[in-house]
């Protein structure tokens, strides 16, 4: 399309300013570095290798996906340290196991004791262990175990005490920002979610 006008595009079409994408991604990478936190960008919107390379600074590590198809796609193209950010589907445990045994680091989300039982039934080969993030509901109401419920802490303890399973982190999603109007409301939800998550981690 180089040299042609936008009107020549067959619609619908995605038009990306690659230089702007690179600048935004680099700014986010640098900001997280200054804050001393690891950036883990989500792949679910663009689903491309090109943008994934930009968002990871070329490292091809430390990404989030929403489906196992995405996880497999990125794994097949040299990406590693992948978090499957969807509460573990029981019918997909074997596929998750295959990725866990193939990659240096493949991580799953749990939000229910029954899901932990599924991992116990499928120990990984080669002395590997399941890497698990606990999915918290911090007010979104869509998925996860409610942060304020005693069962949430009990599940975290159960994960940590299970042989062959490591509690790697806590995951929360601010989907309740979708109905916000304006930056202030969005920031308030983000702050509340951060507070709830940090309070849970302290407990």
N, C-alpha and C. Protein backbone atom coordinates (compact mmCIF):
# COMPACT_ATOMS: atom_id res chain seq x y z
N UNK A 1 0.82 -1.21 0.00
CA UNK A 1 0.00 0.00 0.00
C UNK A 1 0.86 1.26 0.00
N UNK A 2 2.17 1.11 0.12
CA UNK A 2 3.02 2.29 0.21
C UNK A 2 2.84 3.18 -1.02
N UNK A 3 2.63 4.46 -0.76
CA UNK A 3 2.45 5.42 -1.83
C UNK A 3 1.02 5.58 -2.29
N UNK A 4 0.12 4.73 -1.78
CA UNK A 4 -1.29 4.84 -2.17
C UNK A 4 -2.08 5.57 -1.09
N UNK A 5 -3.24 6.08 -1.45
CA UNK A 5 -4.06 6.82 -0.50
C UNK A 5 -4.90 5.87 0.35
N UNK A 6 -5.36 6.39 1.51
CA UNK A 6 -6.21 5.58 2.38
C UNK A 6 -7.48 5.13 1.67
N UNK A 7 -7.96 5.94 0.74
CA UNK A 7 -9.20 5.61 0.04
C UNK A 7 -9.06 4.34 -0.80
N UNK A 8 -7.82 3.92 -1.05
CA UNK A 8 -7.60 2.71 -1.84
C UNK A 8 -7.70 1.44 -0.99
N UNK A 9 -7.77 1.61 0.32
CA UNK A 9 -7.86 0.46 1.20
C UNK A 9 -9.19 -0.25 1.06
N UNK A 10 -9.16 -1.56 1.13
CA UNK A 10 -10.38 -2.35 1.17
C UNK A 10 -10.81 -2.42 2.64
N UNK A 11 -11.97 -1.91 2.95
CA UNK A 11 -12.42 -1.84 4.34
C UNK A 11 -13.23 -3.09 4.71
N UNK A 12 -13.32 -3.48 6.00
CA UNK A 12 -12.64 -2.80 7.11
C UNK A 12 -11.13 -3.09 7.09
N UNK A 13 -10.34 -2.13 7.57
CA UNK A 13 -8.89 -2.28 7.57
C UNK A 13 -8.32 -1.66 8.84
N UNK A 14 -7.27 -2.25 9.32
CA UNK A 14 -6.56 -1.72 10.48
C UNK A 14 -5.39 -0.89 9.98
N UNK A 15 -5.33 0.36 10.41
CA UNK A 15 -4.24 1.24 10.02
C UNK A 15 -3.46 1.60 11.27
N UNK A 16 -2.16 1.34 11.25
CA UNK A 16 -1.33 1.54 12.43
C UNK A 16 -0.17 2.47 12.10
N UNK A 17 0.04 3.44 13.00
CA UNK A 17 1.22 4.29 12.92
C UNK A 17 2.32 3.57 13.71
N UNK A 18 3.17 2.82 13.01
CA UNK A 18 4.15 1.95 13.67
C UNK A 18 5.12 2.76 14.52
N UNK A 19 5.53 3.92 14.05
CA UNK A 19 6.46 4.74 14.84
C UNK A 19 5.84 5.16 16.16
N UNK A 20 4.56 5.49 16.12
CA UNK A 20 3.87 5.88 17.36
C UNK A 20 3.74 4.68 18.30
N UNK A 21 3.43 3.52 17.74
CA UNK A 21 3.34 2.30 18.55
C UNK A 21 4.68 2.04 19.24
N UNK A 22 5.77 2.15 18.50
CA UNK A 22 7.10 1.92 19.07
C UNK A 22 7.41 2.92 20.18
N UNK A 23 7.06 4.18 19.97
CA UNK A 23 7.31 5.20 21.01
C UNK A 23 6.49 4.91 22.26
N UNK A 24 5.22 4.58 22.08
CA UNK A 24 4.36 4.30 23.24
C UNK A 24 4.85 3.07 24.01
N UNK A 25 5.22 2.03 23.28
CA UNK A 25 5.69 0.80 23.92
C UNK A 25 6.98 1.06 24.68
N UNK A 26 7.90 1.80 24.07
CA UNK A 26 9.17 2.09 24.73
C UNK A 26 8.95 2.92 25.99
N UNK A 27 8.01 3.85 25.91
CA UNK A 27 7.70 4.67 27.08
C UNK A 27 7.16 3.81 28.22
N UNK A 28 6.32 2.84 27.89
CA UNK A 28 5.77 1.95 28.92
C UNK A 28 6.86 1.06 29.51
N UNK A 29 7.73 0.53 28.66
CA UNK A 29 8.84 -0.31 29.13
C UNK A 29 9.72 0.49 30.09
N UNK A 30 10.05 1.71 29.72
CA UNK A 30 10.91 2.54 30.57
C UNK A 30 10.23 2.93 31.87
N UNK A 31 8.94 3.22 31.81
CA UNK A 31 8.21 3.58 33.02
C UNK A 31 8.18 2.42 34.01
N UNK A 32 7.89 1.23 33.52
CA UNK A 32 7.86 0.06 34.41
C UNK A 32 9.24 -0.23 34.99
N UNK A 33 10.27 -0.04 34.17
CA UNK A 33 11.64 -0.25 34.66
C UNK A 33 11.95 0.71 35.81
N UNK A 34 11.56 1.96 35.65
CA UNK A 34 11.81 2.96 36.70
C UNK A 34 11.03 2.64 37.97
N UNK A 35 9.86 2.05 37.81
CA UNK A 35 9.03 1.70 38.96
C UNK A 35 9.49 0.39 39.62
N UNK A 36 10.41 -0.31 38.96
CA UNK A 36 10.90 -1.57 39.51
C UNK A 36 9.92 -2.71 39.39
N UNK A 37 9.07 -2.66 38.36
CA UNK A 37 8.10 -3.73 38.13
C UNK A 37 8.31 -4.32 36.73
N UNK A 38 7.88 -5.56 36.58
CA UNK A 38 8.01 -6.25 35.30
C UNK A 38 6.77 -6.01 34.45
N UNK A 39 6.95 -5.43 33.30
CA UNK A 39 5.85 -5.25 32.35
C UNK A 39 5.51 -6.59 31.73
N UNK A 40 4.21 -6.90 31.69
CA UNK A 40 3.74 -8.14 31.06
C UNK A 40 2.60 -7.75 30.11
N UNK A 41 2.91 -7.35 28.88
CA UNK A 41 1.88 -6.86 27.96
C UNK A 41 0.95 -7.96 27.47
N UNK A 42 -0.28 -7.56 27.20
CA UNK A 42 -1.32 -8.48 26.73
C UNK A 42 -1.33 -8.53 25.21
N UNK A 43 -1.49 -9.75 24.68
CA UNK A 43 -1.44 -9.97 23.24
C UNK A 43 -2.82 -10.08 22.60
N UNK A 44 -3.88 -10.09 23.41
CA UNK A 44 -5.18 -10.52 22.90
C UNK A 44 -5.79 -9.61 21.84
N UNK A 45 -5.41 -8.33 21.82
CA UNK A 45 -6.04 -7.42 20.87
C UNK A 45 -5.40 -7.49 19.49
N UNK A 46 -4.07 -7.44 19.44
CA UNK A 46 -3.40 -7.39 18.13
C UNK A 46 -3.06 -8.78 17.59
N UNK A 47 -2.68 -9.71 18.49
CA UNK A 47 -2.37 -11.09 18.08
C UNK A 47 -1.33 -11.17 16.96
N UNK A 48 -0.34 -10.31 16.98
CA UNK A 48 0.68 -10.31 15.93
C UNK A 48 2.06 -10.48 16.53
N UNK A 49 2.96 -11.07 15.74
CA UNK A 49 4.35 -11.21 16.17
C UNK A 49 5.04 -9.84 16.17
N UNK A 50 4.72 -9.04 15.17
CA UNK A 50 5.38 -7.74 15.04
C UNK A 50 5.13 -6.86 16.26
N UNK A 51 3.88 -6.76 16.66
CA UNK A 51 3.55 -5.91 17.81
C UNK A 51 4.05 -6.54 19.11
N UNK A 52 4.04 -7.86 19.18
CA UNK A 52 4.56 -8.53 20.38
C UNK A 52 6.05 -8.25 20.55
N UNK A 53 6.79 -8.24 19.46
CA UNK A 53 8.21 -7.90 19.52
C UNK A 53 8.40 -6.47 20.02
N UNK A 54 7.58 -5.58 19.52
CA UNK A 54 7.68 -4.18 19.95
C UNK A 54 7.35 -4.05 21.43
N UNK A 55 6.29 -4.70 21.88
CA UNK A 55 5.82 -4.55 23.26
C UNK A 55 6.75 -5.20 24.28
N UNK A 56 7.51 -6.22 23.84
CA UNK A 56 8.46 -6.88 24.75
C UNK A 56 9.88 -6.36 24.57
N UNK A 57 10.05 -5.34 23.77
CA UNK A 57 11.37 -4.80 23.53
C UNK A 57 12.29 -5.80 22.85
N UNK A 58 11.69 -6.74 22.10
CA UNK A 58 12.46 -7.73 21.38
C UNK A 58 12.87 -8.93 22.20
N UNK A 59 12.49 -8.97 23.49
CA UNK A 59 12.91 -10.08 24.36
C UNK A 59 12.12 -11.36 24.09
N UNK A 60 10.90 -11.21 23.57
CA UNK A 60 10.00 -12.34 23.34
C UNK A 60 9.73 -13.13 24.62
N UNK A 61 9.70 -12.42 25.74
CA UNK A 61 9.41 -13.04 27.03
C UNK A 61 8.41 -12.18 27.79
N UNK A 62 7.73 -12.85 28.71
CA UNK A 62 6.87 -12.15 29.67
C UNK A 62 5.66 -11.51 28.98
N UNK A 63 4.75 -12.37 28.49
CA UNK A 63 3.53 -11.89 27.84
C UNK A 63 2.30 -12.52 28.48
N UNK A 64 1.15 -11.93 28.19
CA UNK A 64 -0.15 -12.43 28.63
C UNK A 64 -0.98 -12.77 27.40
N UNK A 65 -1.70 -13.89 27.48
CA UNK A 65 -2.62 -14.27 26.41
C UNK A 65 -3.97 -14.63 27.02
N UNK A 66 -5.00 -14.63 26.19
CA UNK A 66 -6.34 -14.96 26.67
C UNK A 66 -6.82 -16.34 26.25
N UNK A 67 -6.16 -16.92 25.25
CA UNK A 67 -6.58 -18.23 24.77
C UNK A 67 -5.36 -19.14 24.60
N UNK A 68 -5.61 -20.44 24.59
CA UNK A 68 -4.52 -21.38 24.36
C UNK A 68 -4.06 -21.35 22.91
N UNK A 69 -4.94 -20.94 22.00
CA UNK A 69 -4.52 -20.77 20.61
C UNK A 69 -3.46 -19.68 20.53
N UNK A 70 -3.68 -18.58 21.26
CA UNK A 70 -2.67 -17.51 21.29
C UNK A 70 -1.39 -18.01 21.94
N UNK A 71 -1.52 -18.74 23.04
CA UNK A 71 -0.33 -19.26 23.74
C UNK A 71 0.49 -20.15 22.81
N UNK A 72 -0.18 -21.04 22.11
CA UNK A 72 0.52 -21.95 21.19
C UNK A 72 1.17 -21.18 20.04
N UNK A 73 0.46 -20.21 19.51
CA UNK A 73 0.99 -19.40 18.40
C UNK A 73 2.29 -18.72 18.81
N UNK A 74 2.28 -18.08 19.97
CA UNK A 74 3.49 -17.37 20.40
C UNK A 74 4.59 -18.35 20.80
N UNK A 75 4.24 -19.46 21.41
CA UNK A 75 5.25 -20.46 21.78
C UNK A 75 5.94 -21.01 20.52
N UNK A 76 5.16 -21.23 19.47
CA UNK A 76 5.71 -21.75 18.23
C UNK A 76 6.66 -20.77 17.54
N UNK A 77 6.55 -19.50 17.93
CA UNK A 77 7.41 -18.47 17.32
C UNK A 77 8.45 -17.94 18.30
N UNK A 78 8.81 -18.76 19.28
CA UNK A 78 9.94 -18.43 20.13
C UNK A 78 9.66 -17.59 21.35
N UNK A 79 8.39 -17.37 21.67
CA UNK A 79 8.06 -16.62 22.88
C UNK A 79 8.02 -17.57 24.08
N UNK A 80 8.37 -17.04 25.25
CA UNK A 80 8.38 -17.85 26.47
C UNK A 80 7.93 -16.97 27.63
N UNK A 81 7.81 -17.59 28.81
CA UNK A 81 7.26 -16.90 29.98
C UNK A 81 5.89 -16.33 29.62
N UNK A 82 4.95 -17.24 29.39
CA UNK A 82 3.60 -16.89 28.94
C UNK A 82 2.60 -17.14 30.07
N UNK A 83 1.79 -16.14 30.35
CA UNK A 83 0.70 -16.28 31.33
C UNK A 83 -0.62 -16.43 30.57
N UNK A 84 -1.29 -17.54 30.80
CA UNK A 84 -2.61 -17.80 30.23
C UNK A 84 -3.64 -17.21 31.19
N UNK A 85 -4.09 -16.01 30.87
CA UNK A 85 -4.90 -15.22 31.80
C UNK A 85 -6.39 -15.50 31.66
N UNK A 86 -6.73 -16.75 31.85
CA UNK A 86 -8.13 -17.17 31.81
C UNK A 86 -8.26 -18.30 32.84
N UNK A 87 -9.24 -18.17 33.72
CA UNK A 87 -9.38 -19.18 34.78
C UNK A 87 -9.40 -20.58 34.17
N UNK A 88 -8.55 -21.45 34.68
CA UNK A 88 -8.26 -22.74 34.09
C UNK A 88 -9.50 -23.53 33.68
N UNK A 89 -9.70 -23.79 32.38
CA UNK A 89 -10.79 -24.64 31.93
C UNK A 89 -10.40 -26.10 32.16
N UNK A 90 -11.26 -26.87 32.79
CA UNK A 90 -10.91 -28.24 33.14
C UNK A 90 -10.65 -29.11 31.93
N UNK A 91 -11.30 -28.80 30.81
CA UNK A 91 -11.09 -29.62 29.61
C UNK A 91 -9.81 -29.25 28.86
N UNK A 92 -9.07 -28.26 29.38
CA UNK A 92 -7.85 -27.83 28.69
C UNK A 92 -6.60 -28.04 29.56
N UNK A 93 -6.74 -28.81 30.62
CA UNK A 93 -5.61 -29.05 31.52
C UNK A 93 -4.47 -29.75 30.77
N UNK A 94 -4.80 -30.72 29.92
CA UNK A 94 -3.76 -31.46 29.20
C UNK A 94 -2.99 -30.54 28.25
N UNK A 95 -3.69 -29.64 27.59
CA UNK A 95 -3.01 -28.69 26.69
C UNK A 95 -2.13 -27.74 27.48
N UNK A 96 -2.59 -27.34 28.64
CA UNK A 96 -1.77 -26.48 29.52
C UNK A 96 -0.54 -27.23 30.00
N UNK A 97 -0.72 -28.51 30.30
CA UNK A 97 0.41 -29.33 30.74
C UNK A 97 1.46 -29.44 29.63
N UNK A 98 1.00 -29.62 28.40
CA UNK A 98 1.94 -29.74 27.29
C UNK A 98 2.77 -28.47 27.14
N UNK A 99 2.15 -27.31 27.29
CA UNK A 99 2.89 -26.05 27.21
C UNK A 99 3.82 -25.89 28.41
N UNK A 100 3.36 -26.32 29.58
CA UNK A 100 4.19 -26.22 30.79
C UNK A 100 5.43 -27.09 30.69
N UNK A 101 5.30 -28.23 30.02
CA UNK A 101 6.43 -29.14 29.87
C UNK A 101 7.36 -28.76 28.72
N UNK A 102 6.85 -27.92 27.84
CA UNK A 102 7.63 -27.52 26.67
C UNK A 102 8.39 -26.21 26.88
N UNK A 103 7.77 -25.25 27.55
CA UNK A 103 8.35 -23.92 27.72
C UNK A 103 9.16 -23.82 29.01
N UNK A 104 10.03 -22.83 29.07
CA UNK A 104 10.73 -22.56 30.33
C UNK A 104 9.73 -22.15 31.40
N UNK A 105 8.72 -21.36 30.99
CA UNK A 105 7.75 -20.87 31.97
C UNK A 105 6.39 -20.63 31.32
N UNK A 106 5.43 -21.46 31.70
CA UNK A 106 4.04 -21.28 31.29
C UNK A 106 3.22 -21.24 32.56
N UNK A 107 2.35 -20.23 32.68
CA UNK A 107 1.63 -19.99 33.92
C UNK A 107 0.13 -19.96 33.70
N UNK A 108 -0.61 -20.45 34.69
CA UNK A 108 -2.06 -20.52 34.58
C UNK A 108 -2.72 -19.77 35.73
N UNK A 109 -4.01 -19.48 35.56
CA UNK A 109 -4.81 -18.81 36.59
C UNK A 109 -5.76 -19.81 37.24
N UNK A 110 -5.90 -19.70 38.56
CA UNK A 110 -6.90 -20.48 39.29
C UNK A 110 -7.77 -19.53 40.09
N UNK A 111 -9.05 -19.90 40.24
CA UNK A 111 -9.93 -19.12 41.11
C UNK A 111 -10.89 -20.02 41.90
N UNK A 112 -10.58 -21.35 41.91
CA UNK A 112 -11.47 -22.27 42.60
C UNK A 112 -10.68 -23.51 43.05
N UNK A 113 -11.00 -24.06 44.23
CA UNK A 113 -10.29 -25.27 44.70
C UNK A 113 -10.38 -26.45 43.72
N UNK A 114 -11.50 -26.55 43.00
CA UNK A 114 -11.64 -27.65 42.05
C UNK A 114 -10.58 -27.58 40.95
N UNK A 115 -10.20 -26.37 40.60
CA UNK A 115 -9.16 -26.21 39.57
C UNK A 115 -7.81 -26.69 40.10
N UNK A 116 -7.55 -26.42 41.37
CA UNK A 116 -6.32 -26.92 41.98
C UNK A 116 -6.33 -28.45 41.99
N UNK A 117 -7.48 -29.05 42.25
CA UNK A 117 -7.59 -30.51 42.23
C UNK A 117 -7.24 -31.07 40.85
N UNK A 118 -7.63 -30.33 39.80
CA UNK A 118 -7.31 -30.77 38.44
C UNK A 118 -5.80 -30.81 38.21
N UNK A 119 -5.09 -29.84 38.76
CA UNK A 119 -3.63 -29.82 38.61
C UNK A 119 -2.98 -30.95 39.40
N UNK A 120 -3.55 -31.25 40.57
CA UNK A 120 -3.02 -32.36 41.37
C UNK A 120 -3.13 -33.68 40.61
N UNK A 121 -4.20 -33.81 39.84
CA UNK A 121 -4.43 -35.05 39.09
C UNK A 121 -3.50 -35.19 37.88
N UNK A 122 -2.84 -34.06 37.51
CA UNK A 122 -1.99 -34.08 36.31
C UNK A 122 -0.60 -33.51 36.66
N UNK A 123 0.20 -34.29 37.42
CA UNK A 123 1.56 -33.81 37.71
C UNK A 123 2.36 -33.69 36.42
N UNK A 124 3.26 -32.72 36.39
CA UNK A 124 4.08 -32.48 35.20
C UNK A 124 5.31 -33.40 35.22
N UNK A 125 5.78 -33.73 34.04
CA UNK A 125 6.93 -34.63 33.92
C UNK A 125 8.24 -33.88 34.13
N UNK A 126 9.31 -34.66 34.31
CA UNK A 126 10.64 -34.07 34.40
C UNK A 126 10.89 -33.23 35.62
N UNK A 127 10.12 -33.46 36.68
CA UNK A 127 10.31 -32.67 37.90
C UNK A 127 9.82 -31.25 37.81
N UNK A 128 9.10 -30.94 36.74
CA UNK A 128 8.56 -29.59 36.60
C UNK A 128 7.37 -29.37 37.53
N UNK A 129 7.04 -28.11 37.74
CA UNK A 129 5.87 -27.80 38.56
C UNK A 129 4.96 -26.81 37.86
N UNK A 130 3.73 -26.83 38.29
CA UNK A 130 2.74 -25.88 37.79
C UNK A 130 3.03 -24.51 38.40
N UNK A 131 3.00 -23.48 37.58
CA UNK A 131 3.13 -22.11 38.07
C UNK A 131 1.76 -21.46 38.00
N UNK A 132 1.28 -21.02 39.15
CA UNK A 132 -0.12 -20.61 39.27
C UNK A 132 -0.24 -19.18 39.79
N UNK A 133 -1.11 -18.43 39.16
CA UNK A 133 -1.52 -17.12 39.67
C UNK A 133 -2.95 -17.27 40.21
N UNK A 134 -3.22 -16.65 41.34
CA UNK A 134 -4.57 -16.66 41.90
C UNK A 134 -5.35 -15.49 41.32
N UNK A 135 -6.48 -15.81 40.72
CA UNK A 135 -7.32 -14.77 40.12
C UNK A 135 -8.25 -14.19 41.17
N UNK A 136 -8.10 -12.89 41.45
CA UNK A 136 -8.92 -12.20 42.43
C UNK A 136 -10.00 -11.37 41.76
N UNK A 137 -11.16 -11.35 42.37
CA UNK A 137 -12.23 -10.42 41.98
C UNK A 137 -12.15 -9.24 42.95
N UNK A 138 -11.76 -8.08 42.41
CA UNK A 138 -11.63 -6.87 43.24
C UNK A 138 -12.75 -5.87 42.97
N UNK A 139 -13.92 -6.40 42.60
CA UNK A 139 -15.06 -5.53 42.34
C UNK A 139 -15.56 -5.59 40.92
N UNK A 140 -14.83 -6.30 40.05
CA UNK A 140 -15.23 -6.41 38.66
C UNK A 140 -16.46 -7.30 38.51
N UNK A 141 -16.51 -8.39 39.29
CA UNK A 141 -17.68 -9.27 39.27
C UNK A 141 -17.76 -10.20 38.09
N UNK A 142 -16.69 -10.29 37.30
CA UNK A 142 -16.74 -11.12 36.10
C UNK A 142 -16.11 -12.49 36.33
N UNK A 143 -14.98 -12.52 36.99
CA UNK A 143 -14.27 -13.78 37.23
C UNK A 143 -13.38 -13.60 38.45
N UNK A 144 -12.94 -14.72 39.01
CA UNK A 144 -12.04 -14.66 40.15
C UNK A 144 -12.77 -14.90 41.46
N UNK A 145 -11.98 -15.13 42.49
CA UNK A 145 -12.51 -15.34 43.83
C UNK A 145 -12.47 -14.00 44.57
N UNK A 146 -13.54 -13.64 45.24
CA UNK A 146 -13.66 -12.32 45.85
C UNK A 146 -12.56 -12.10 46.88
N UNK A 147 -11.86 -11.01 46.73
CA UNK A 147 -10.67 -10.72 47.55
C UNK A 147 -10.96 -10.69 49.04
N UNK A 148 -12.18 -10.33 49.42
CA UNK A 148 -12.52 -10.16 50.83
C UNK A 148 -13.01 -11.44 51.50
N UNK A 149 -13.25 -12.49 50.70
CA UNK A 149 -13.77 -13.73 51.25
C UNK A 149 -12.65 -14.57 51.87
N UNK A 150 -12.91 -15.19 53.03
CA UNK A 150 -11.89 -16.07 53.65
C UNK A 150 -11.44 -17.18 52.70
N UNK A 151 -12.33 -17.61 51.83
CA UNK A 151 -11.99 -18.69 50.90
C UNK A 151 -10.84 -18.30 49.96
N UNK A 152 -10.70 -17.02 49.70
CA UNK A 152 -9.61 -16.58 48.81
C UNK A 152 -8.26 -16.85 49.45
N UNK A 153 -8.13 -16.49 50.71
CA UNK A 153 -6.88 -16.74 51.42
C UNK A 153 -6.64 -18.24 51.59
N UNK A 154 -7.70 -18.97 51.84
CA UNK A 154 -7.57 -20.43 51.99
C UNK A 154 -7.08 -21.06 50.70
N UNK A 155 -7.59 -20.56 49.57
CA UNK A 155 -7.15 -21.11 48.28
C UNK A 155 -5.69 -20.76 48.03
N UNK A 156 -5.28 -19.54 48.35
CA UNK A 156 -3.88 -19.15 48.18
C UNK A 156 -2.97 -20.06 49.01
N UNK A 157 -3.38 -20.33 50.24
CA UNK A 157 -2.59 -21.20 51.11
C UNK A 157 -2.53 -22.63 50.56
N UNK A 158 -3.66 -23.10 50.05
CA UNK A 158 -3.72 -24.46 49.49
C UNK A 158 -2.80 -24.58 48.27
N UNK A 159 -2.79 -23.57 47.42
CA UNK A 159 -1.92 -23.58 46.24
C UNK A 159 -0.46 -23.64 46.69
N UNK A 160 -0.11 -22.78 47.66
CA UNK A 160 1.27 -22.68 48.13
C UNK A 160 1.74 -23.97 48.80
N UNK A 161 0.82 -24.72 49.38
CA UNK A 161 1.18 -25.92 50.13
C UNK A 161 1.10 -27.20 49.31
N UNK A 162 0.69 -27.09 48.05
CA UNK A 162 0.53 -28.27 47.21
C UNK A 162 1.85 -28.63 46.52
N UNK A 163 2.25 -29.88 46.65
CA UNK A 163 3.46 -30.35 45.97
C UNK A 163 3.28 -30.25 44.46
N UNK A 164 4.33 -29.80 43.80
CA UNK A 164 4.29 -29.70 42.34
C UNK A 164 3.58 -28.46 41.83
N UNK A 165 3.22 -27.57 42.74
CA UNK A 165 2.51 -26.34 42.37
C UNK A 165 3.17 -25.17 43.09
N UNK A 166 3.39 -24.08 42.38
CA UNK A 166 3.96 -22.89 43.00
C UNK A 166 3.02 -21.70 42.81
N UNK A 167 2.73 -21.01 43.91
CA UNK A 167 1.94 -19.78 43.83
C UNK A 167 2.86 -18.66 43.36
N UNK A 168 2.68 -18.25 42.11
CA UNK A 168 3.58 -17.30 41.47
C UNK A 168 3.15 -15.86 41.68
N UNK A 169 1.83 -15.62 41.69
CA UNK A 169 1.36 -14.25 41.81
C UNK A 169 -0.14 -14.17 42.00
N UNK A 170 -0.59 -12.93 42.07
CA UNK A 170 -2.01 -12.62 42.21
C UNK A 170 -2.41 -11.76 41.01
N UNK A 171 -3.56 -12.06 40.43
CA UNK A 171 -3.99 -11.39 39.20
C UNK A 171 -5.36 -10.77 39.41
N UNK A 172 -5.49 -9.50 39.06
CA UNK A 172 -6.78 -8.81 39.14
C UNK A 172 -7.00 -8.02 37.85
N UNK A 173 -8.25 -7.87 37.49
CA UNK A 173 -8.60 -7.19 36.24
C UNK A 173 -9.56 -6.04 36.55
N UNK A 174 -9.24 -4.85 36.06
CA UNK A 174 -10.08 -3.67 36.32
C UNK A 174 -11.15 -3.49 35.25
N UNK A 175 -11.87 -4.57 34.94
CA UNK A 175 -12.91 -4.47 33.92
C UNK A 175 -14.05 -3.56 34.33
N UNK A 176 -14.14 -3.26 35.63
CA UNK A 176 -15.19 -2.34 36.08
C UNK A 176 -14.87 -0.90 35.72
N UNK A 177 -13.77 -0.66 35.02
CA UNK A 177 -13.52 0.70 34.50
C UNK A 177 -14.28 0.94 33.20
N UNK A 178 -14.81 -0.13 32.60
CA UNK A 178 -15.43 0.02 31.28
C UNK A 178 -16.61 0.99 31.28
N UNK A 179 -17.29 1.08 32.42
CA UNK A 179 -18.43 1.99 32.51
C UNK A 179 -18.07 3.35 33.09
N UNK A 180 -16.78 3.58 33.32
CA UNK A 180 -16.35 4.86 33.88
C UNK A 180 -16.48 5.97 32.85
N UNK A 181 -16.65 7.16 33.38
CA UNK A 181 -16.68 8.35 32.53
C UNK A 181 -15.57 9.28 32.97
N UNK A 182 -14.53 9.35 32.17
CA UNK A 182 -13.43 10.25 32.46
C UNK A 182 -12.28 9.59 33.19
N UNK A 183 -11.14 10.27 33.13
CA UNK A 183 -9.90 9.73 33.69
C UNK A 183 -9.98 9.57 35.20
N UNK A 184 -10.61 10.50 35.89
CA UNK A 184 -10.66 10.44 37.35
C UNK A 184 -11.36 9.18 37.84
N UNK A 185 -12.47 8.82 37.21
CA UNK A 185 -13.19 7.61 37.61
C UNK A 185 -12.35 6.37 37.33
N UNK A 186 -11.67 6.36 36.20
CA UNK A 186 -10.82 5.22 35.86
C UNK A 186 -9.70 5.08 36.87
N UNK A 187 -9.07 6.20 37.22
CA UNK A 187 -7.98 6.16 38.19
C UNK A 187 -8.47 5.71 39.56
N UNK A 188 -9.68 6.10 39.92
CA UNK A 188 -10.23 5.70 41.23
C UNK A 188 -10.43 4.19 41.29
N UNK A 189 -10.94 3.60 40.21
CA UNK A 189 -11.13 2.14 40.17
C UNK A 189 -9.78 1.44 40.20
N UNK A 190 -8.83 1.95 39.42
CA UNK A 190 -7.49 1.35 39.40
C UNK A 190 -6.85 1.39 40.79
N UNK A 191 -7.01 2.51 41.48
CA UNK A 191 -6.43 2.64 42.83
C UNK A 191 -7.10 1.69 43.81
N UNK A 192 -8.43 1.59 43.71
CA UNK A 192 -9.16 0.69 44.60
C UNK A 192 -8.72 -0.76 44.37
N UNK A 193 -8.60 -1.15 43.09
CA UNK A 193 -8.17 -2.51 42.76
C UNK A 193 -6.77 -2.77 43.29
N UNK A 194 -5.88 -1.80 43.12
CA UNK A 194 -4.51 -1.94 43.64
C UNK A 194 -4.52 -2.11 45.15
N UNK A 195 -5.33 -1.30 45.83
CA UNK A 195 -5.41 -1.38 47.29
C UNK A 195 -5.92 -2.75 47.75
N UNK A 196 -6.99 -3.22 47.13
CA UNK A 196 -7.56 -4.52 47.50
C UNK A 196 -6.52 -5.64 47.28
N UNK A 197 -5.80 -5.57 46.15
CA UNK A 197 -4.81 -6.60 45.83
C UNK A 197 -3.67 -6.58 46.84
N UNK A 198 -3.16 -5.39 47.14
CA UNK A 198 -2.05 -5.29 48.10
C UNK A 198 -2.47 -5.72 49.50
N UNK A 199 -3.70 -5.37 49.88
CA UNK A 199 -4.21 -5.80 51.20
C UNK A 199 -4.31 -7.32 51.26
N UNK A 200 -4.77 -7.92 50.17
CA UNK A 200 -4.86 -9.39 50.14
C UNK A 200 -3.48 -10.02 50.23
N UNK A 201 -2.51 -9.45 49.51
CA UNK A 201 -1.16 -9.99 49.55
C UNK A 201 -0.56 -9.89 50.95
N UNK A 202 -0.87 -8.82 51.65
CA UNK A 202 -0.40 -8.68 53.03
C UNK A 202 -0.96 -9.79 53.90
N UNK A 203 -2.24 -10.07 53.75
CA UNK A 203 -2.88 -11.14 54.54
C UNK A 203 -2.27 -12.49 54.21
